[in-house]
Amino acid sequence: MSSRSGIEWTETTWNPVTGCDRISAGCDNCYALTLSKRLKAMGVAKYQNDGDPRTSGPGFAVTTHPSALEAPYGWRSRQLVFVNSMSDLFHARVPVSFIQDVFAVMADTPQHTYQVLTKRAVRARRLADQLDFPPNMWLGVSVESSAYFHRIDQLRRIPATVRFLSCEPLLGPLDGINLGGIGWVIAGGESGPNYRPMDIAWARGIRDACLGAEVPFFFKQWAARSPKRLGRELDGRTWDEYPVSA
């Protein structure tokens, strides 16, 4: 099933895979890991498999859910869909055949637009020639600081209709970022009790890079304990831009 999402840049979420493992700085305070622990305690069936406590946690083992593949066929209205908000489709433990099944569903439901976000850009690029990228699917990579610019280089080599960046949680400046071949950028600070501060200069820097490259820019939130506490304005306005195909 899908669920209406509180994530500002999408409308609904669809999780044919759940669970993940932390692999970079942006994962340190993973919301999905924390939520999975709660869902396991509530008895939610999809979150009963435990991951490695060193990198994952209760209810957060990588698990595929073939029954969830049918969900998009039942949605009555067009949806903007974040795929695997509770996982990473390109995790090494997700079989290629299942990724192909997810892609087939997306291709078979062209009325919806699917947003797939990964931190595993290398695997996504290596599998690209085994996947048929439908025009209604956007592929993005997380870029929380300049240390992860290499993910953008991998993304540029993948034939997605829209390639996007999620610079969230933004943990450092992205000076010198190359937005060639990129069709959308999301940026935002971290939320939660252990949030890390975000410098306004970092947000302005990526916004200005987008303006210079004529790339749509979406500013999601400031860093704060509550994601709503400081609002969504950057220099006196909200930035809610989307790719032309949205």
Protein backbone atom coordinates (compact mmCIF):
# COMPACT_ATOMS: atom_id res chain seq x y z
CA MET A 1 0.00 0.00 0.00
CA SER A 2 0.97 3.64 -0.41
CA SER A 3 0.61 6.18 2.34
CA ARG A 4 0.14 9.91 2.23
CA SER A 5 3.45 11.51 3.01
CA GLY A 6 4.49 14.40 5.20
CA ILE A 7 7.63 14.77 3.07
CA GLU A 8 7.21 18.13 1.37
CA TRP A 9 8.64 17.17 -2.02
CA THR A 10 6.43 14.15 -2.65
CA GLU A 11 2.78 13.13 -2.27
CA THR A 12 2.86 9.51 -1.23
CA THR A 13 5.30 6.72 -0.34
CA TRP A 14 5.53 3.15 -1.61
CA ASN A 15 7.77 0.60 0.10
CA PRO A 16 8.17 -2.69 -1.79
CA VAL A 17 11.45 -2.96 0.16
CA THR A 18 12.05 -2.08 3.81
CA GLY A 19 15.23 -1.98 5.86
CA CYS A 20 18.73 -0.71 5.21
CA ASP A 21 22.23 -0.27 6.65
CA ARG A 22 24.01 2.97 7.50
CA ILE A 23 26.85 3.71 5.07
CA SER A 24 27.68 7.42 5.31
CA ALA A 25 27.45 10.51 7.50
CA GLY A 26 23.92 11.32 6.39
CA CYS A 27 22.74 8.02 7.88
CA ASP A 28 23.88 8.75 11.44
CA ASN A 29 20.44 9.83 12.67
CA CYS A 30 18.35 7.80 10.21
CA TYR A 31 14.62 8.50 10.67
CA ALA A 32 13.66 5.23 8.98
CA LEU A 33 15.72 3.15 11.42
CA THR A 34 14.07 4.87 14.39
CA LEU A 35 10.61 4.46 12.87
CA SER A 36 11.19 0.80 12.07
CA LYS A 37 11.96 0.06 15.71
CA ARG A 38 8.64 1.63 16.68
CA LEU A 39 6.73 -0.22 13.94
CA LYS A 40 8.24 -3.53 15.04
CA ALA A 41 7.05 -2.90 18.61
CA MET A 42 3.57 -2.15 17.24
CA GLY A 43 3.54 -5.53 15.48
CA VAL A 44 3.53 -4.20 11.91
CA ALA A 45 4.26 -7.22 9.74
CA LYS A 46 6.71 -5.55 7.34
CA TYR A 47 9.05 -4.61 10.20
CA GLN A 48 9.66 -7.84 12.11
CA ASN A 49 13.10 -8.72 10.71
CA ASP A 50 16.05 -7.29 12.62
CA GLY A 51 19.16 -5.91 10.98
CA ASP A 52 22.79 -6.00 12.09
CA PRO A 53 22.96 -3.83 15.24
CA ARG A 54 26.25 -2.31 14.06
CA THR A 55 24.69 -0.74 10.97
CA SER A 56 20.95 -1.35 11.23
CA GLY A 57 18.55 -2.28 14.02
CA PRO A 58 15.22 -3.75 15.17
CA GLY A 59 12.76 -4.20 12.33
CA PHE A 60 15.22 -2.75 9.84
CA ALA A 61 16.70 -5.78 8.06
CA VAL A 62 16.51 -5.48 4.28
CA THR A 63 13.30 -7.28 3.32
CA THR A 64 11.48 -7.45 0.00
CA HIS A 65 7.67 -7.42 -0.11
CA PRO A 66 6.39 -8.92 -3.37
CA SER A 67 2.76 -8.33 -2.35
CA ALA A 68 3.43 -4.57 -2.30
CA LEU A 69 4.14 -4.62 -6.04
CA GLU A 70 0.40 -4.63 -6.74
CA ALA A 71 -0.32 -1.39 -4.86
CA PRO A 72 0.20 1.20 -7.64
CA TYR A 73 -2.37 -0.50 -9.84
CA GLY A 74 -5.06 0.35 -7.29
CA TRP A 75 -4.37 4.06 -6.88
CA ARG A 76 -7.28 5.97 -8.38
CA SER A 77 -5.57 9.31 -8.94
CA ARG A 78 -2.19 10.29 -10.31
CA GLN A 79 0.50 10.24 -7.64
CA LEU A 80 3.99 11.64 -7.13
CA VAL A 81 5.56 8.66 -5.37
CA PHE A 82 8.70 8.38 -3.23
CA VAL A 83 9.80 4.77 -3.72
CA ASN A 84 11.29 3.05 -0.65
CA SER A 85 11.23 5.87 1.87
CA MET A 86 12.08 3.09 4.36
CA SER A 87 14.92 1.50 2.41
CA ASP A 88 17.31 1.84 -0.53
CA LEU A 89 16.26 0.04 -3.71
CA PHE A 90 19.90 -0.44 -4.71
CA HIS A 91 21.05 -2.02 -1.46
CA ALA A 92 23.26 -5.03 -2.18
CA ARG A 93 20.74 -7.37 -0.52
CA VAL A 94 17.94 -6.43 -2.90
CA PRO A 95 18.05 -8.99 -5.74
CA VAL A 96 18.42 -7.62 -9.26
CA SER A 97 15.31 -9.56 -10.25
CA PHE A 98 13.26 -7.72 -7.62
CA ILE A 99 14.61 -4.34 -8.72
CA GLN A 100 13.54 -5.30 -12.24
CA ASP A 101 10.07 -6.15 -10.92
CA VAL A 102 9.80 -2.72 -9.28
CA PHE A 103 10.88 -1.04 -12.52
CA ALA A 104 8.30 -3.07 -14.45
CA VAL A 105 5.51 -1.84 -12.16
CA MET A 106 6.63 1.76 -12.62
CA ALA A 107 6.67 1.33 -16.39
CA ASP A 108 3.24 -0.31 -16.32
CA THR A 109 1.68 2.60 -14.39
CA PRO A 110 2.71 5.67 -16.44
CA GLN A 111 0.05 7.83 -14.82
CA HIS A 112 2.24 8.03 -11.71
CA THR A 113 5.65 9.68 -11.31
CA TYR A 114 8.16 7.73 -9.22
CA GLN A 115 11.08 9.20 -7.26
CA VAL A 116 13.83 6.70 -6.41
CA LEU A 117 16.59 7.93 -4.10
CA THR A 118 19.78 6.01 -3.34
CA LYS A 119 23.09 6.37 -1.55
CA ARG A 120 24.37 3.36 -3.48
CA ALA A 121 25.13 5.13 -6.73
CA VAL A 122 27.81 2.69 -7.81
CA ARG A 123 25.45 -0.29 -7.76
CA ALA A 124 22.77 1.74 -9.52
CA ARG A 125 25.21 2.58 -12.31
CA ARG A 126 26.51 -0.99 -12.58
CA LEU A 127 22.97 -2.36 -12.91
CA ALA A 128 21.78 0.32 -15.33
CA ASP A 129 22.23 -1.83 -18.42
CA GLN A 130 20.04 -4.54 -16.85
CA LEU A 131 17.18 -2.14 -16.19
CA ASP A 132 14.66 -0.43 -18.45
CA PHE A 133 14.29 3.13 -17.15
CA PRO A 134 10.71 4.30 -17.73
CA PRO A 135 10.14 8.01 -18.51
CA ASN A 136 7.96 8.42 -15.41
CA MET A 137 10.79 7.46 -13.04
CA TRP A 138 13.23 9.96 -11.54
CA LEU A 139 16.50 8.75 -10.02
CA GLY A 140 18.35 10.67 -7.33
CA VAL A 141 21.38 10.32 -5.08
CA SER A 142 22.02 11.71 -1.60
CA VAL A 143 24.78 14.31 -1.38
CA GLU A 144 25.06 15.46 2.22
CA SER A 145 28.48 17.10 1.79
CA SER A 146 31.20 17.53 -0.81
CA ALA A 147 32.68 14.19 0.30
CA TYR A 148 29.92 12.52 -1.72
CA PHE A 149 30.27 14.36 -5.03
CA HIS A 150 31.36 11.01 -6.50
CA ARG A 151 27.71 9.88 -6.30
CA ILE A 152 26.77 12.64 -8.74
CA ASP A 153 29.39 11.42 -11.21
CA GLN A 154 27.86 7.94 -11.08
CA LEU A 155 24.34 9.33 -11.47
CA ARG A 156 25.25 11.23 -14.61
CA ARG A 157 26.09 7.90 -16.27
CA ILE A 158 22.59 6.47 -15.68
CA PRO A 159 19.88 7.00 -18.34
CA ALA A 160 17.11 8.30 -16.07
CA THR A 161 14.71 10.89 -17.50
CA VAL A 162 15.24 13.13 -14.48
CA ARG A 163 18.37 12.90 -12.33
CA PHE A 164 18.11 14.64 -8.98
CA LEU A 165 20.09 15.32 -5.82
CA SER A 166 18.92 15.16 -2.23
CA CYS A 167 21.27 17.39 -0.25
CA GLU A 168 19.65 16.43 3.01
CA PRO A 169 20.67 16.43 5.75
CA LEU A 170 23.01 19.13 4.48
CA LEU A 171 26.12 18.67 6.61
CA GLY A 172 28.62 20.94 4.89
CA PRO A 173 29.19 23.32 2.00
CA LEU A 174 28.84 22.05 -1.56
CA ASP A 175 31.29 24.52 -3.07
CA GLY A 176 32.21 23.71 -6.64
CA ILE A 177 29.33 21.29 -7.21
CA ASN A 178 28.84 20.34 -10.86
CA LEU A 179 25.15 20.26 -11.77
CA GLY A 180 25.67 19.21 -15.37
CA GLY A 181 23.07 16.58 -16.28
CA ILE A 182 21.11 17.17 -13.07
CA GLY A 183 17.44 18.11 -13.34
CA TRP A 184 16.46 18.88 -9.74
CA VAL A 185 18.01 19.60 -6.34
CA ILE A 186 16.42 19.20 -2.89
CA ALA A 187 18.20 20.66 0.14
CA GLY A 188 17.39 20.75 3.82
CA GLY A 189 18.67 20.45 7.34
CA GLU A 190 18.47 17.57 9.78
CA SER A 191 15.65 17.18 12.30
CA GLY A 192 15.25 15.16 15.48
CA PRO A 193 16.73 15.23 19.00
CA ASN A 194 20.31 14.76 17.75
CA TYR A 195 20.11 17.08 14.75
CA ARG A 196 23.30 18.65 13.43
CA PRO A 197 23.26 22.40 12.68
CA MET A 198 23.17 23.73 9.13
CA ASP A 199 24.93 26.95 8.16
CA ILE A 200 22.80 29.36 6.12
CA ALA A 201 25.78 29.80 3.80
CA TRP A 202 25.56 26.13 2.81
CA ALA A 203 21.89 26.50 1.82
CA ARG A 204 22.57 29.72 -0.06
CA GLY A 205 25.51 28.13 -1.84
CA ILE A 206 23.51 25.24 -3.31
CA ARG A 207 20.60 27.53 -4.12
CA ASP A 208 22.89 29.91 -5.99
CA ALA A 209 24.51 27.01 -7.83
CA CYS A 210 21.04 25.93 -8.96
CA LEU A 211 20.15 29.43 -10.09
CA GLY A 212 23.36 29.66 -12.07
CA ALA A 213 22.82 26.28 -13.73
CA GLU A 214 19.06 26.86 -14.20
CA VAL A 215 18.25 23.75 -12.18
CA PRO A 216 14.97 23.66 -10.17
CA PHE A 217 15.61 24.03 -6.44
CA PHE A 218 13.48 22.80 -3.53
CA PHE A 219 14.31 23.91 0.01
CA LYS A 220 12.71 21.48 2.46
CA GLN A 221 13.55 22.68 5.98
CA TRP A 222 16.07 24.16 8.39
CA ALA A 223 17.97 22.05 10.90
CA ALA A 224 16.02 21.84 14.16
CA ARG A 225 14.64 19.36 16.65
CA SER A 226 11.26 19.66 14.95
CA PRO A 227 11.22 19.89 11.13
CA LYS A 228 8.50 22.55 11.29
CA ARG A 229 10.07 24.72 13.99
CA LEU A 230 12.05 27.13 11.80
CA GLY A 231 9.86 26.99 8.71
CA ARG A 232 10.92 26.59 5.10
CA GLU A 233 11.85 30.10 4.01
CA LEU A 234 15.30 30.87 2.67
CA ASP A 235 16.04 34.58 2.31
CA GLY A 236 12.43 35.58 2.65
CA ARG A 237 10.73 33.08 0.35
CA THR A 238 9.99 29.41 -0.11
CA TRP A 239 11.66 27.46 -2.89
CA ASP A 240 9.27 24.82 -4.21
CA GLU A 241 10.57 24.26 -7.73
CA TYR A 242 10.16 20.94 -9.56
CA PRO A 243 11.45 19.48 -12.82
CA VAL A 244 9.49 20.48 -15.90
CA SER A 245 8.11 16.94 -16.22
CA ALA A 246 6.48 17.10 -12.77
